[in-house]
């Protein structure tokens, strides 16, 4: 991979409000502060970019005491379009899709 292939083309970033599970957000904050040279927004954007939903959609069960907190996130416009398309196709809210993307992204990060 060439150095310039590690970067995305310039694109508009959009600010959206979504509800993110507290434990997922705390883990993103920890990774951003201590492990990777990336902001929480860029990690979320990368998780959404990596999200693939096949014929079976896995909705994760929320833990009993888990609280979702409304957060303002900034993601690339193309990633928001991807979420909108998935919302329309699968009938799943954007907040749930973002949480699925983060959860799957964190699982892959843990395995890697």
C-alpha atoms as a PDB file:
ATOM      1  CA  UNK A   1       0.000   0.000   0.000  1.00  0.00           C
ATOM      2  CA  UNK A   2       1.333   3.424  -0.953  1.00  0.00           C
ATOM      3  CA  UNK A   3       1.322   6.187   1.650  1.00  0.00           C
ATOM      4  CA  UNK A   4      -1.310   8.222  -0.202  1.00  0.00           C
ATOM      5  CA  UNK A   5      -3.685   5.245  -0.283  1.00  0.00           C
ATOM      6  CA  UNK A   6      -4.027   5.541   3.496  1.00  0.00           C
ATOM      7  CA  UNK A   7      -6.065   8.732   3.101  1.00  0.00           C
ATOM      8  CA  UNK A   8      -9.583   9.425   1.828  1.00  0.00           C
ATOM      9  CA  UNK A   9     -10.313  11.903  -0.931  1.00  0.00           C
ATOM     10  CA  UNK A  10     -11.517  15.297   0.287  1.00  0.00           C
ATOM     11  CA  UNK A  11     -15.208  15.228   1.035  1.00  0.00           C
ATOM     12  CA  UNK A  12     -17.767  17.206   2.995  1.00  0.00           C
ATOM     13  CA  UNK A  13     -18.258  16.120   6.610  1.00  0.00           C
ATOM     14  CA  UNK A  14     -21.723  16.289   8.156  1.00  0.00           C
ATOM     15  CA  UNK A  15     -22.725  16.691  11.786  1.00  0.00           C
ATOM     16  CA  UNK A  16     -25.504  14.420  13.030  1.00  0.00           C
ATOM     17  CA  UNK A  17     -26.965  13.562  16.402  1.00  0.00           C
ATOM     18  CA  UNK A  18     -27.217   9.849  17.204  1.00  0.00           C
ATOM     19  CA  UNK A  19     -27.710   7.797  20.337  1.00  0.00           C
ATOM     20  CA  UNK A  20     -24.642   5.716  21.174  1.00  0.00           C
ATOM     21  CA  UNK A  21     -24.429   3.093  23.898  1.00  0.00           C
ATOM     22  CA  UNK A  22     -22.361   4.399  26.798  1.00  0.00           C
ATOM     23  CA  UNK A  23     -19.950   1.436  26.975  1.00  0.00           C
ATOM     24  CA  UNK A  24     -19.264   1.607  23.236  1.00  0.00           C
ATOM     25  CA  UNK A  25     -18.545   5.327  23.416  1.00  0.00           C
ATOM     26  CA  UNK A  26     -16.295   4.873  26.460  1.00  0.00           C
ATOM     27  CA  UNK A  27     -14.273   2.252  24.573  1.00  0.00           C
ATOM     28  CA  UNK A  28     -13.982   4.551  21.543  1.00  0.00           C
ATOM     29  CA  UNK A  29     -12.744   7.336  23.824  1.00  0.00           C
ATOM     30  CA  UNK A  30     -10.162   5.018  25.373  1.00  0.00           C
ATOM     31  CA  UNK A  31      -8.888   3.884  21.961  1.00  0.00           C
ATOM     32  CA  UNK A  32      -8.738   7.470  20.701  1.00  0.00           C
ATOM     33  CA  UNK A  33      -6.895   8.748  23.792  1.00  0.00           C
ATOM     34  CA  UNK A  34      -4.469   5.878  24.386  1.00  0.00           C
ATOM     35  CA  UNK A  35      -4.137   3.551  21.402  1.00  0.00           C
ATOM     36  CA  UNK A  36      -4.715   5.086  17.963  1.00  0.00           C
ATOM     37  CA  UNK A  37      -3.907   8.427  16.389  1.00  0.00           C
ATOM     38  CA  UNK A  38      -7.542   9.010  15.448  1.00  0.00           C
ATOM     39  CA  UNK A  39     -10.453  11.028  16.791  1.00  0.00           C
ATOM     40  CA  UNK A  40     -13.621   9.329  17.976  1.00  0.00           C
ATOM     41  CA  UNK A  41     -15.406  10.731  14.903  1.00  0.00           C
ATOM     42  CA  UNK A  42     -12.831   9.225  12.550  1.00  0.00           C
ATOM     43  CA  UNK A  43     -13.066   5.852  14.280  1.00  0.00           C
ATOM     44  CA  UNK A  44     -16.876   5.916  13.991  1.00  0.00           C
ATOM     45  CA  UNK A  45     -16.569   6.943  10.329  1.00  0.00           C
ATOM     46  CA  UNK A  46     -14.184   4.026   9.679  1.00  0.00           C
ATOM     47  CA  UNK A  47     -16.533   1.584  11.445  1.00  0.00           C
ATOM     48  CA  UNK A  48     -19.431   2.760   9.268  1.00  0.00           C
ATOM     49  CA  UNK A  49     -17.244   2.486   6.172  1.00  0.00           C
ATOM     50  CA  UNK A  50     -16.443  -1.118   7.113  1.00  0.00           C
ATOM     51  CA  UNK A  51     -20.057  -2.044   7.950  1.00  0.00           C
ATOM     52  CA  UNK A  52     -21.544  -4.656   5.657  1.00  0.00           C
ATOM     53  CA  UNK A  53     -25.012  -6.054   6.173  1.00  0.00           C
ATOM     54  CA  UNK A  54     -25.934  -9.188   4.284  1.00  0.00           C
ATOM     55  CA  UNK A  55     -29.257 -10.912   4.106  1.00  0.00           C
ATOM     56  CA  UNK A  56     -29.268 -11.449   7.865  1.00  0.00           C
ATOM     57  CA  UNK A  57     -29.200  -8.373  10.074  1.00  0.00           C
ATOM     58  CA  UNK A  58     -27.890  -8.898  13.598  1.00  0.00           C
ATOM     59  CA  UNK A  59     -29.470  -6.571  16.125  1.00  0.00           C
ATOM     60  CA  UNK A  60     -27.524  -6.737  19.369  1.00  0.00           C
ATOM     61  CA  UNK A  61     -29.387  -7.029  22.623  1.00  0.00           C
ATOM     62  CA  UNK A  62     -28.859  -3.994  24.798  1.00  0.00           C
ATOM     63  CA  UNK A  63     -27.583  -4.739  28.280  1.00  0.00           C
ATOM     64  CA  UNK A  64     -30.126  -4.158  31.047  1.00  0.00           C
ATOM     65  CA  UNK A  65     -28.475  -1.121  32.642  1.00  0.00           C
ATOM     66  CA  UNK A  66     -26.941   0.275  29.438  1.00  0.00           C
ATOM     67  CA  UNK A  67     -27.813   3.882  28.690  1.00  0.00           C
ATOM     68  CA  UNK A  68     -27.823   5.386  25.226  1.00  0.00           C
ATOM     69  CA  UNK A  69     -26.576   8.953  25.156  1.00  0.00           C
ATOM     70  CA  UNK A  70     -27.301  11.398  22.341  1.00  0.00           C
ATOM     71  CA  UNK A  71     -24.000  12.433  20.800  1.00  0.00           C
ATOM     72  CA  UNK A  72     -23.131  14.760  17.974  1.00  0.00           C
ATOM     73  CA  UNK A  73     -20.881  12.977  15.534  1.00  0.00           C
ATOM     74  CA  UNK A  74     -19.171  14.207  12.399  1.00  0.00           C
ATOM     75  CA  UNK A  75     -18.884  11.712   9.548  1.00  0.00           C
ATOM     76  CA  UNK A  76     -18.183  11.892   5.852  1.00  0.00           C
ATOM     77  CA  UNK A  77     -21.200  12.718   3.724  1.00  0.00           C
ATOM     78  CA  UNK A  78     -20.826   9.439   1.808  1.00  0.00           C
ATOM     79  CA  UNK A  79     -20.994   7.478   5.082  1.00  0.00           C
ATOM     80  CA  UNK A  80     -24.192   9.266   6.060  1.00  0.00           C
ATOM     81  CA  UNK A  81     -25.616   8.412   2.627  1.00  0.00           C
ATOM     82  CA  UNK A  82     -24.635   4.770   3.247  1.00  0.00           C
ATOM     83  CA  UNK A  83     -26.498   4.848   6.575  1.00  0.00           C
ATOM     84  CA  UNK A  84     -29.548   6.446   4.939  1.00  0.00           C
ATOM     85  CA  UNK A  85     -29.590   3.734   2.251  1.00  0.00           C
ATOM     86  CA  UNK A  86     -29.326   0.983   4.882  1.00  0.00           C
ATOM     87  CA  UNK A  87     -32.054   2.599   6.985  1.00  0.00           C
ATOM     88  CA  UNK A  88     -34.355   2.611   4.002  1.00  0.00           C
ATOM     89  CA  UNK A  89     -33.488  -0.941   2.917  1.00  0.00           C
ATOM     90  CA  UNK A  90     -33.600  -2.629   6.335  1.00  0.00           C
ATOM     91  CA  UNK A  91     -35.930  -0.373   8.350  1.00  0.00           C
ATOM     92  CA  UNK A  92     -33.335   0.107  11.093  1.00  0.00           C
ATOM     93  CA  UNK A  93     -32.752   3.517  12.642  1.00  0.00           C
ATOM     94  CA  UNK A  94     -29.521   5.332  11.933  1.00  0.00           C
ATOM     95  CA  UNK A  95     -28.647   5.253  15.648  1.00  0.00           C
ATOM     96  CA  UNK A  96     -28.982   1.454  15.706  1.00  0.00           C
ATOM     97  CA  UNK A  97     -26.915   1.155  12.518  1.00  0.00           C
ATOM     98  CA  UNK A  98     -24.174   3.331  14.026  1.00  0.00           C
ATOM     99  CA  UNK A  99     -24.160   1.197  17.192  1.00  0.00           C
ATOM    100  CA  UNK A 100     -23.972  -1.999  15.104  1.00  0.00           C
ATOM    101  CA  UNK A 101     -21.078  -0.544  13.101  1.00  0.00           C
ATOM    102  CA  UNK A 102     -19.215   0.497  16.261  1.00  0.00           C
ATOM    103  CA  UNK A 103     -19.807  -2.842  17.996  1.00  0.00           C
ATOM    104  CA  UNK A 104     -18.606  -4.817  14.959  1.00  0.00           C
ATOM    105  CA  UNK A 105     -15.665  -2.469  14.505  1.00  0.00           C
ATOM    106  CA  UNK A 106     -14.606  -2.849  18.133  1.00  0.00           C
ATOM    107  CA  UNK A 107     -14.884  -6.642  17.878  1.00  0.00           C
ATOM    108  CA  UNK A 108     -12.606  -6.638  14.813  1.00  0.00           C
ATOM    109  CA  UNK A 109     -10.172  -4.299  16.580  1.00  0.00           C
ATOM    110  CA  UNK A 110     -10.062  -6.608  19.615  1.00  0.00           C
ATOM    111  CA  UNK A 111      -9.383  -9.631  17.383  1.00  0.00           C
ATOM    112  CA  UNK A 112      -6.697  -7.824  15.381  1.00  0.00           C
END
